[in-house]
Amino acid sequence: MALEYDVVVLGGGTGGYVAAVRAAQNGLKTAIVEKDKLGGTCLHKGCIPTKALLKSAEIFEIIQKAQSFGIEVEEPTFHIEKAMERKDKIVSTLHQGVKGLVANAKVDIYDGFGRILGPSIFSPMAGSISVEYEDDRENDILVPKNVIIATGSSPKTLPGITIDGELVITSDHALSMNKLPSSIVILGGGVIGIEWASFYQSVGVDVTLIEASDQILPNMDKDIAKEMSKYLVRKGVKLHTGTSVIPSSLSTVNGIAIKSETDDMTFEADQLLVAIGRKANISNIGVENTDIQLANDFIDVNPYFQSKESHIYAIGDVNGGKQLAHAATYEADIAVAHIVGNTPVLLNPTDIPSCVYGEMEIASLGLTETEAKEQYGKVKVTKTSMQAIGKAHVNGNIDGFAKIVIDQNTDDLLGFHLIGKGVTEIIGQVSLAKYFDGSGLEISESINPHPSISEIISEVALAAEGRKIHG
């Protein structure tokens, strides 16, 4: 049976359900095709569950340090099963909320696997969707005027390393663990690897972190990466940068052992976590039935997130942009606005904040110092330590700093980078300033409450203006 729609969204993750709700709010007849659960990776296998576990680890560490706050407690014990129960409850609550949002928007849901068809009896254009079900139901055929591909991503694997879900795992498996390993080797020092290293080390697991690049967090500012490296080492993580492994050397007898390709070391542990990034979920969805073009195994799109097939859009992790839930939401808004004929406001992708979570957090916006110098030549770069911030002392953690990068000719804000406890909660203030083309002077004149961590924003801007008070 062929069913006509204005918009069909493939995938009900953050980008997908936001796109569907936005389309319905604009009066478009809309459907989502989702083979699993609404909410996607972010809600079920990424942002929310990992941060829930990191919060449990943070509380565990705070209790361990309670004596420094004048509180006497017995030695705490971390129960992974209880932390998992809390994580699952949070995910379930938010999942119900997402289902309610979509239902209230009157978006139709098809609980099957969507495959894009080429030109057919249903439509002379590619883009009809065959919905395939796991039970005995016949396929539904959806014939939309526009398609939004929002199928998300999944963990990358390293050729030659077999993921068995027990000794060799990805972040997906880590989110369903029923016991902690005593030791773990993590391959990959990007955001995912860093967050899991922080979690495991905080709850007493012996962690070895291996990164092939010369620095962890290769796409972030070098000073920020260096500070995070120092923090991880102080925490007890065995950190190896500029190090590759030999996949064929992996042994899974009595735990895991894998040899280094760059020296004579052999890394041994109870488990191996492969965290080398994520790949677009475009396999078997019918891309080959269209004129859609790929770039580095992601769907190639224009600034409005249209593919080569102008009525087929791709948002979120599948298009090779920032693999962030809030980026997918932004892209959903742009795509739908373009579909309904509006002229959406486009942001530079570097203006989308990036964050790393854990006891030591990172929040970054705009260009790194290196990128700014390459693109603008003369720039002003200033750092202010958390030691200058009263609230950091109150909180019991003065590690970290803020770094601002400003165009020396125009005083425009080019980049802002924060590392320290709680900094992910204040980057939105910088994002707003960047959206309104804020200058270093304007940021320095902003008034932040005392005492608060947000004071570091105006303090580092004052330093850039040559008017620093603290720090």
Protein backbone atom coordinates (compact mmCIF):
# COMPACT_ATOMS: atom_id res chain seq x y z
CA MET A 1 0.00 0.00 0.00
CA ALA A 2 1.43 3.40 -1.01
CA LEU A 3 1.00 6.25 1.47
CA GLU A 4 1.77 9.86 0.54
CA TYR A 5 3.59 12.31 2.82
CA ASP A 6 5.12 15.75 2.61
CA VAL A 7 8.13 14.62 4.65
CA VAL A 8 9.42 11.22 5.69
CA VAL A 9 12.29 11.11 8.19
CA LEU A 10 14.52 8.05 8.23
CA GLY A 11 15.64 7.67 11.84
CA GLY A 12 14.08 8.87 15.08
CA GLY A 13 17.16 10.10 16.92
CA THR A 14 17.61 13.65 18.18
CA GLY A 15 17.92 15.16 14.70
CA GLY A 16 15.21 12.93 13.27
CA TYR A 17 12.45 13.53 15.79
CA VAL A 18 13.19 17.28 15.95
CA ALA A 19 12.97 17.45 12.14
CA ALA A 20 9.67 15.56 12.21
CA VAL A 21 8.15 17.75 14.92
CA ARG A 22 9.31 20.92 13.14
CA ALA A 23 7.83 19.70 9.85
CA ALA A 24 4.51 18.88 11.50
CA GLN A 25 4.46 22.28 13.21
CA ASN A 26 4.74 23.79 9.74
CA GLY A 27 1.64 21.94 8.59
CA LEU A 28 3.42 19.17 6.68
CA LYS A 29 2.13 15.62 6.75
CA THR A 30 5.08 13.83 8.35
CA ALA A 31 6.25 10.35 9.25
CA ILE A 32 9.25 8.85 11.02
CA VAL A 33 10.63 5.42 10.15
CA GLU A 34 12.56 4.00 13.11
CA LYS A 35 13.53 0.35 13.55
CA ASP A 36 14.51 0.73 17.20
CA LYS A 37 13.54 3.37 19.78
CA LEU A 38 12.83 7.07 19.39
CA GLY A 39 15.70 9.10 20.78
CA GLY A 40 18.45 7.31 18.88
CA THR A 41 22.10 7.11 19.87
CA CYS A 42 22.09 10.22 22.05
CA LEU A 43 19.32 9.05 24.34
CA HIS A 44 19.99 5.31 24.41
CA LYS A 45 23.70 4.75 23.65
CA GLY A 46 25.47 8.09 23.89
CA CYS A 47 24.95 11.49 25.50
CA ILE A 48 22.46 10.70 28.24
CA PRO A 49 23.51 7.25 29.50
CA THR A 50 27.23 8.04 29.50
CA LYS A 51 26.68 11.30 31.38
CA ALA A 52 24.47 9.47 33.89
CA LEU A 53 27.31 7.04 34.60
CA LEU A 54 29.84 9.88 34.76
CA LYS A 55 27.62 11.58 37.35
CA SER A 56 27.61 8.43 39.47
CA ALA A 57 31.40 8.29 39.21
CA GLU A 58 31.62 11.99 40.18
CA ILE A 59 29.50 11.44 43.30
CA PHE A 60 31.68 8.46 44.23
CA GLU A 61 34.79 10.62 43.98
CA ILE A 62 33.21 13.47 45.94
CA ILE A 63 32.36 11.10 48.78
CA GLN A 64 35.92 9.81 48.77
CA LYS A 65 37.09 13.41 49.23
CA ALA A 66 34.40 14.28 51.82
CA GLN A 67 36.94 14.68 54.62
CA SER A 68 38.46 17.69 52.87
CA PHE A 69 35.03 19.38 53.16
CA GLY A 70 34.83 18.62 56.87
CA ILE A 71 32.67 15.51 56.55
CA GLU A 72 33.56 12.12 58.01
CA VAL A 73 32.16 9.12 56.12
CA GLU A 74 32.85 5.43 55.87
CA GLU A 75 34.78 4.12 52.88
CA PRO A 76 32.29 4.20 49.96
CA THR A 77 31.66 1.31 47.58
CA PHE A 78 30.72 1.76 43.93
CA HIS A 79 27.98 -0.61 42.74
CA ILE A 80 27.89 -0.69 38.95
CA GLU A 81 24.53 -2.45 38.89
CA LYS A 82 22.94 0.37 40.92
CA ALA A 83 24.52 3.00 38.68
CA MET A 84 23.14 1.14 35.66
CA GLU A 85 19.67 1.04 37.22
CA ARG A 86 19.80 4.81 37.71
CA LYS A 87 21.02 5.30 34.14
CA ASP A 88 18.23 3.09 32.76
CA LYS A 89 15.59 4.98 34.75
CA ILE A 90 16.79 8.33 33.40
CA VAL A 91 16.80 7.01 29.82
CA SER A 92 13.33 5.49 30.23
CA THR A 93 11.88 8.73 31.59
CA LEU A 94 13.32 10.80 28.75
CA HIS A 95 12.24 8.19 26.19
CA GLN A 96 8.65 8.51 27.35
CA GLY A 97 8.98 12.27 26.99
CA VAL A 98 10.21 11.99 23.41
CA LYS A 99 7.38 9.64 22.50
CA GLY A 100 4.93 12.14 23.94
CA LEU A 101 6.44 15.03 21.96
CA VAL A 102 6.16 13.13 18.70
CA ALA A 103 2.63 11.93 19.44
CA ASN A 104 1.46 15.45 20.33
CA ALA A 105 2.86 16.70 17.02
CA LYS A 106 0.72 14.09 15.24
CA VAL A 107 3.69 12.53 13.45
CA ASP A 108 3.10 9.01 12.14
CA ILE A 109 5.58 6.39 13.37
CA TYR A 110 6.58 3.30 11.36
CA ASP A 111 8.46 0.80 13.52
CA GLY A 112 10.47 -0.84 10.77
CA PHE A 113 13.59 -0.51 8.65
CA GLY A 114 13.35 2.14 5.93
CA ARG A 115 14.96 1.59 2.56
CA ILE A 116 15.09 4.27 -0.15
CA LEU A 117 13.79 3.15 -3.55
CA GLY A 118 14.89 4.40 -6.93
CA PRO A 119 12.42 5.62 -9.58
CA SER A 120 9.53 3.17 -9.60
CA ILE A 121 5.83 2.74 -10.21
CA PHE A 122 5.29 4.72 -7.01
CA SER A 123 7.22 7.81 -8.09
CA PRO A 124 9.30 8.88 -11.10
CA MET A 125 11.91 10.22 -8.64
CA ALA A 126 14.10 8.31 -6.25
CA GLY A 127 12.97 8.70 -2.66
CA SER A 128 10.00 6.46 -2.02
CA ILE A 129 10.55 4.51 1.20
CA SER A 130 9.94 0.80 1.64
CA VAL A 131 9.31 0.03 5.31
CA GLU A 132 10.37 -3.51 6.16
CA TYR A 133 9.12 -5.18 9.34
CA GLU A 134 10.62 -7.95 11.43
CA ASP A 135 7.24 -9.69 11.79
CA ASP A 136 4.98 -10.99 9.02
CA ARG A 137 3.54 -7.63 8.03
CA GLU A 138 3.81 -6.65 4.38
CA ASN A 139 6.07 -3.74 3.54
CA ASP A 140 4.54 -0.29 3.58
CA ILE A 141 5.53 2.06 0.77
CA LEU A 142 5.78 5.72 1.72
CA VAL A 143 5.84 8.27 -1.10
CA PRO A 144 7.14 11.59 0.26
CA LYS A 145 7.77 14.90 -1.43
CA ASN A 146 10.88 15.23 0.74
CA VAL A 147 13.08 12.77 2.62
CA ILE A 148 15.29 13.60 5.60
CA ILE A 149 17.93 10.97 6.28
CA ALA A 150 18.78 10.98 10.00
CA THR A 151 19.99 7.43 10.53
CA GLY A 152 22.82 8.40 12.87
CA SER A 153 26.06 6.54 13.43
CA SER A 154 27.55 3.51 15.11
CA PRO A 155 30.95 2.71 16.63
CA LYS A 156 33.84 2.30 14.20
CA THR A 157 35.83 -0.87 14.43
CA LEU A 158 39.48 -1.45 13.66
CA PRO A 159 40.09 -3.88 10.77
CA GLY A 160 41.56 -7.07 12.18
CA ILE A 161 39.99 -6.67 15.63
CA THR A 162 36.84 -8.69 16.24
CA ILE A 163 34.32 -7.19 18.64
CA ASP A 164 32.91 -9.99 20.80
CA GLY A 165 30.98 -7.83 23.28
CA GLU A 166 32.74 -9.38 26.27
CA LEU A 167 36.52 -9.09 26.14
CA VAL A 168 36.59 -6.72 23.17
CA ILE A 169 33.86 -4.11 23.34
CA THR A 170 32.62 -0.77 22.02
CA SER A 171 30.92 2.00 23.96
CA ASP A 172 27.58 0.34 23.18
CA HIS A 173 28.61 -2.74 25.16
CA ALA A 174 30.07 -0.66 27.99
CA LEU A 175 26.63 0.85 28.58
CA SER A 176 25.19 -2.54 29.46
CA MET A 177 28.02 -3.93 31.61
CA ASN A 178 26.97 -5.85 34.72
CA LYS A 179 30.38 -5.77 36.39
CA LEU A 180 33.49 -3.64 36.25
CA PRO A 181 36.74 -5.02 34.85
CA SER A 182 39.77 -4.64 37.08
CA SER A 183 41.70 -3.22 34.11
CA ILE A 184 40.93 -1.96 30.62
CA VAL A 185 42.79 -0.80 27.53
CA ILE A 186 41.02 1.94 25.57
CA LEU A 187 41.94 2.44 21.92
CA GLY A 188 41.24 6.03 20.91
CA GLY A 189 41.86 9.33 22.70
CA GLY A 190 38.99 11.27 21.18
CA VAL A 191 35.95 12.46 23.13
CA ILE A 192 34.49 8.97 23.60
CA GLY A 193 37.77 7.45 24.76
CA ILE A 194 38.49 10.33 27.16
CA GLU A 195 35.05 10.17 28.79
CA TRP A 196 35.26 6.41 29.29
CA ALA A 197 38.81 6.69 30.62
CA SER A 198 37.58 9.25 33.15
CA PHE A 199 34.68 7.04 34.21
CA TYR A 200 36.64 3.83 34.59
CA GLN A 201 39.54 5.44 36.44
CA SER A 202 37.15 7.25 38.79
CA VAL A 203 35.51 4.00 39.89
CA GLY A 204 38.76 2.14 40.50
CA VAL A 205 39.53 0.45 37.18
CA ASP A 206 43.15 0.47 36.00
CA VAL A 207 43.06 2.34 32.66
CA THR A 208 45.50 2.39 29.74
CA LEU A 209 44.60 4.89 27.02
CA ILE A 210 46.20 4.62 23.57
CA GLU A 211 45.99 7.36 20.92
CA ALA A 212 47.66 7.16 17.50
CA SER A 213 47.99 10.94 17.13
CA ASP A 214 50.60 12.98 18.94
CA GLN A 215 47.94 14.43 21.24
CA ILE A 216 44.66 13.24 22.67
CA LEU A 217 41.58 15.08 21.38
CA PRO A 218 43.33 15.72 18.03
CA ASN A 219 40.74 18.22 16.81
CA MET A 220 40.83 20.41 19.91
CA ASP A 221 43.12 23.25 20.96
CA LYS A 222 46.60 21.99 21.85
CA ASP A 223 46.70 23.71 25.24
CA ILE A 224 43.36 22.15 26.18
CA ALA A 225 44.53 18.69 25.09
CA LYS A 226 47.77 19.11 27.02
CA GLU A 227 45.92 20.10 30.19
CA MET A 228 43.56 17.11 29.88
CA SER A 229 46.57 14.83 29.38
CA LYS A 230 48.16 16.13 32.59
CA TYR A 231 44.89 15.62 34.46
CA LEU A 232 44.46 12.04 33.23
CA VAL A 233 48.02 11.13 34.16
CA ARG A 234 47.58 12.65 37.64
CA LYS A 235 44.41 10.62 37.96
CA GLY A 236 46.39 7.44 37.26
CA VAL A 237 45.59 6.77 33.59
CA LYS A 238 48.49 5.22 31.69
CA LEU A 239 48.52 7.47 28.63
CA HIS A 240 50.28 6.58 25.37
CA THR A 241 50.09 9.09 22.50
CA GLY A 242 51.71 8.67 19.10
CA THR A 243 51.11 4.96 19.57
CA SER A 244 49.46 2.46 17.23
CA VAL A 245 48.68 -1.20 17.85
CA ILE A 246 48.99 -4.30 15.66
CA PRO A 247 45.44 -5.67 15.27
CA SER A 248 46.63 -9.14 14.31
CA SER A 249 48.55 -9.39 17.59
CA LEU A 250 45.38 -9.30 19.69
CA SER A 251 45.08 -12.24 22.04
CA THR A 252 41.93 -12.93 24.06
CA VAL A 253 43.28 -15.73 26.24
CA ASN A 254 42.89 -14.87 29.94
CA GLY A 255 41.88 -11.29 29.20
CA ILE A 256 43.33 -9.32 26.31
CA ALA A 257 46.84 -8.58 25.12
CA ILE A 258 47.80 -6.47 22.13
CA LYS A 259 51.18 -5.35 20.86
CA SER A 260 52.27 -1.82 20.05
CA GLU A 261 53.27 -1.07 16.47
CA THR A 262 55.53 1.81 17.50
CA ASP A 263 57.62 0.14 20.22
CA ASP A 264 58.13 -3.22 21.94
CA MET A 265 55.31 -2.79 24.46
CA THR A 266 52.47 -5.26 24.93
CA PHE A 267 49.31 -3.90 26.55
CA GLU A 268 47.40 -6.31 28.78
CA ALA A 269 44.07 -5.95 30.58
CA ASP A 270 40.78 -7.65 31.37
CA GLN A 271 39.04 -5.83 28.50
CA LEU A 272 39.72 -3.85 25.35
CA LEU A 273 37.42 -0.91 24.53
CA VAL A 274 37.60 0.23 20.91
CA ALA A 275 36.71 3.95 20.82
CA ILE A 276 38.19 5.18 17.53
CA GLY A 277 35.18 7.20 16.38
CA ARG A 278 31.84 6.59 14.72
CA LYS A 279 30.73 5.74 11.19
CA ALA A 280 27.60 6.85 9.32
CA ASN A 281 24.69 4.41 9.28
CA ILE A 282 24.13 4.39 5.53
CA SER A 283 24.57 0.70 4.79
CA ASN A 284 21.52 -0.96 3.18
CA ILE A 285 19.30 2.12 3.36
CA GLY A 286 19.17 2.43 -0.44
CA VAL A 287 21.63 5.26 -1.07
CA GLU A 288 22.83 3.33 -4.10
CA ASN A 289 19.34 3.68 -5.62
CA THR A 290 19.76 7.45 -5.80
CA ASP A 291 22.17 10.06 -7.15
CA ILE A 292 23.29 10.87 -3.60
CA GLN A 293 27.05 11.38 -3.45
CA LEU A 294 29.32 10.34 -0.59
CA ALA A 295 32.40 12.05 0.80
CA ASN A 296 34.62 9.94 3.05
CA ASP A 297 31.73 7.51 3.56
CA PHE A 298 29.35 10.26 4.69
CA ILE A 299 26.49 11.78 2.69
CA ASP A 300 27.68 14.93 0.94
CA VAL A 301 25.36 17.91 1.57
CA ASN A 302 25.12 21.63 0.82
CA PRO A 303 24.64 24.35 3.51
CA TYR A 304 20.91 23.54 3.66
CA PHE A 305 21.73 19.84 4.15
CA GLN A 306 20.41 18.81 0.75
CA SER A 307 22.11 15.88 -0.94
CA LYS A 308 22.72 15.69 -4.70
CA GLU A 309 19.06 14.63 -4.85
CA SER A 310 17.61 18.05 -3.95
CA HIS A 311 14.51 16.61 -2.26
CA ILE A 312 16.58 14.29 -0.06
CA TYR A 313 18.27 15.88 2.94
CA ALA A 314 20.78 14.38 5.38
CA ILE A 315 21.23 15.66 8.92
CA GLY A 316 23.19 14.61 11.98
CA ASP A 317 25.96 12.04 12.09
CA VAL A 318 25.39 10.75 8.55
CA ASN A 319 26.61 13.92 6.79
CA GLY A 320 30.16 14.18 8.10
CA GLY A 321 29.62 17.31 10.17
CA LYS A 322 29.92 17.59 13.93
CA GLN A 323 28.64 14.40 15.51
CA LEU A 324 26.76 16.16 18.28
CA ALA A 325 23.10 16.03 19.26
CA HIS A 326 22.76 19.81 19.37
CA ALA A 327 24.35 20.03 15.90
CA ALA A 328 21.77 17.56 14.59
CA THR A 329 19.00 19.67 16.12
CA TYR A 330 20.34 22.79 14.43
CA GLU A 331 20.59 20.95 11.12
CA ALA A 332 17.03 19.67 11.48
CA ASP A 333 15.75 23.23 11.86
CA ILE A 334 17.70 24.39 8.79
CA ALA A 335 16.51 21.49 6.62
CA VAL A 336 12.85 21.91 7.51
CA ALA A 337 13.00 25.69 7.10
CA HIS A 338 14.43 25.17 3.63
CA ILE A 339 11.75 22.62 2.75
CA VAL A 340 8.95 25.06 3.63
CA GLY A 341 10.58 27.84 1.61
CA ASN A 342 12.01 30.00 4.37
CA THR A 343 15.52 31.46 4.39
CA PRO A 344 17.16 29.96 7.47
CA VAL A 345 20.06 31.59 9.29
CA LEU A 346 23.21 29.55 8.68
CA LEU A 347 25.95 29.19 11.26
CA ASN A 348 29.58 28.38 10.72
CA PRO A 349 30.05 24.80 11.99
CA THR A 350 32.86 26.06 14.23
CA ASP A 351 30.29 28.16 16.11
CA ILE A 352 28.67 24.99 17.46
CA PRO A 353 30.04 24.21 20.95
CA SER A 354 31.88 20.94 21.58
CA CYS A 355 32.10 19.44 25.05
CA VAL A 356 33.87 16.65 26.89
CA TYR A 357 32.37 15.45 30.16
CA GLY A 358 33.78 13.95 33.34
CA GLU A 359 35.29 15.32 36.54
CA MET A 360 37.46 17.54 34.33
CA GLU A 361 35.27 19.01 31.59
CA ILE A 362 36.08 20.73 28.31
CA ALA A 363 33.90 23.25 26.49
CA SER A 364 35.12 24.68 23.21
CA LEU A 365 33.73 27.07 20.61
CA GLY A 366 35.21 28.51 17.42
CA LEU A 367 38.75 28.19 16.11
CA THR A 368 41.72 26.73 17.92
CA GLU A 369 44.75 28.97 18.33
CA THR A 370 46.50 27.16 15.47
CA GLU A 371 43.50 27.47 13.14
CA ALA A 372 43.04 31.16 13.99
CA LYS A 373 46.66 31.99 13.22
CA GLU A 374 46.47 30.11 9.92
CA GLN A 375 43.28 31.92 8.85
CA TYR A 376 43.69 35.40 10.36
CA GLY A 377 47.42 35.89 10.91
CA LYS A 378 47.63 38.26 13.87
CA VAL A 379 45.58 37.11 16.84
CA LYS A 380 45.49 37.86 20.55
CA VAL A 381 45.60 34.79 22.79
CA THR A 382 45.09 34.98 26.55
CA LYS A 383 44.62 32.39 29.29
CA THR A 384 43.23 32.77 32.79
CA SER A 385 43.64 30.04 35.42
CA MET A 386 40.78 28.64 37.49
CA GLN A 387 42.94 29.50 40.49
CA ALA A 388 41.81 33.11 39.99
CA ILE A 389 38.14 32.14 40.43
CA GLY A 390 36.75 32.10 43.97
CA LYS A 391 33.97 29.61 43.19
CA ALA A 392 36.54 27.10 41.92
CA HIS A 393 38.20 27.19 45.35
CA VAL A 394 34.79 26.80 47.02
CA ASN A 395 34.07 23.79 44.81
CA GLY A 396 37.39 22.21 45.74
CA ASN A 397 38.81 22.02 42.22
CA ILE A 398 41.05 24.77 40.84
CA ASP A 399 42.45 22.79 37.91
CA GLY A 400 41.97 24.20 34.42
CA PHE A 401 41.74 27.52 32.65
CA ALA A 402 39.93 29.61 30.05
CA LYS A 403 41.57 30.58 26.76
CA ILE A 404 40.31 33.27 24.41
CA VAL A 405 41.43 33.83 20.82
CA ILE A 406 40.67 37.25 19.28
CA ASP A 407 41.31 38.80 15.88
CA GLN A 408 43.92 41.48 16.57
CA ASN A 409 42.67 43.69 13.75
CA THR A 410 38.93 43.65 14.46
CA ASP A 411 38.70 42.48 18.11
CA ASP A 412 36.23 39.80 16.95
CA LEU A 413 35.98 36.63 19.01
CA LEU A 414 37.50 33.74 17.04
CA GLY A 415 37.72 30.99 19.64
CA PHE A 416 36.97 30.29 23.27
CA HIS A 417 38.19 27.20 25.11
CA LEU A 418 37.50 26.13 28.68
CA ILE A 419 38.77 23.25 30.77
CA GLY A 420 37.80 22.64 34.38
CA LYS A 421 35.02 21.39 36.59
CA GLY A 422 31.57 22.48 35.42
CA VAL A 423 32.64 24.45 32.35
CA THR A 424 30.13 22.74 30.05
CA GLU A 425 27.40 24.64 31.91
CA ILE A 426 28.75 28.09 30.93
CA ILE A 427 29.79 27.71 27.28
CA GLY A 428 26.28 28.71 26.19
CA GLN A 429 27.03 32.26 27.34
CA VAL A 430 29.99 32.37 24.96
CA SER A 431 27.90 30.81 22.19
CA LEU A 432 25.39 33.65 22.50
CA ALA A 433 28.18 36.23 22.34
CA LYS A 434 29.58 34.56 19.22
CA TYR A 435 26.14 34.46 17.57
CA PHE A 436 25.87 38.23 17.96
CA ASP A 437 29.44 38.79 16.66
CA GLY A 438 30.67 39.70 20.11
CA SER A 439 34.07 41.32 20.51
CA GLY A 440 36.67 40.84 23.19
CA LEU A 441 35.74 44.23 24.61
CA GLU A 442 32.04 43.39 24.78
CA ILE A 443 32.69 40.08 26.51
CA SER A 444 35.01 41.82 28.99
CA GLU A 445 32.21 44.25 29.84
CA SER A 446 29.67 41.51 30.60
CA ILE A 447 28.77 41.18 34.27
CA ASN A 448 28.95 37.71 35.81
CA PRO A 449 27.73 36.97 39.33
CA HIS A 450 30.25 36.53 42.13
CA PRO A 451 31.11 33.92 43.12
CA SER A 452 30.53 31.81 40.04
CA ILE A 453 32.60 29.80 37.57
CA SER A 454 31.20 32.05 34.81
CA GLU A 455 33.42 34.89 36.10
CA ILE A 456 36.28 33.29 34.19
CA ILE A 457 34.62 34.35 30.90
CA SER A 458 34.87 38.07 31.60
CA GLU A 459 38.21 37.66 33.40
CA VAL A 460 39.97 36.12 30.40
CA ALA A 461 38.42 38.73 28.09
CA LEU A 462 39.65 41.51 30.41
CA ALA A 463 43.12 40.00 30.25
CA ALA A 464 42.94 40.04 26.43
CA GLU A 465 42.05 43.74 26.59
CA GLY A 466 45.03 44.42 28.83
CA ARG A 467 42.81 45.19 31.80
CA LYS A 468 42.97 42.01 33.85
CA ILE A 469 42.14 42.17 37.55
CA HIS A 470 42.49 38.56 38.68
CA GLY A 471 44.59 35.76 37.25
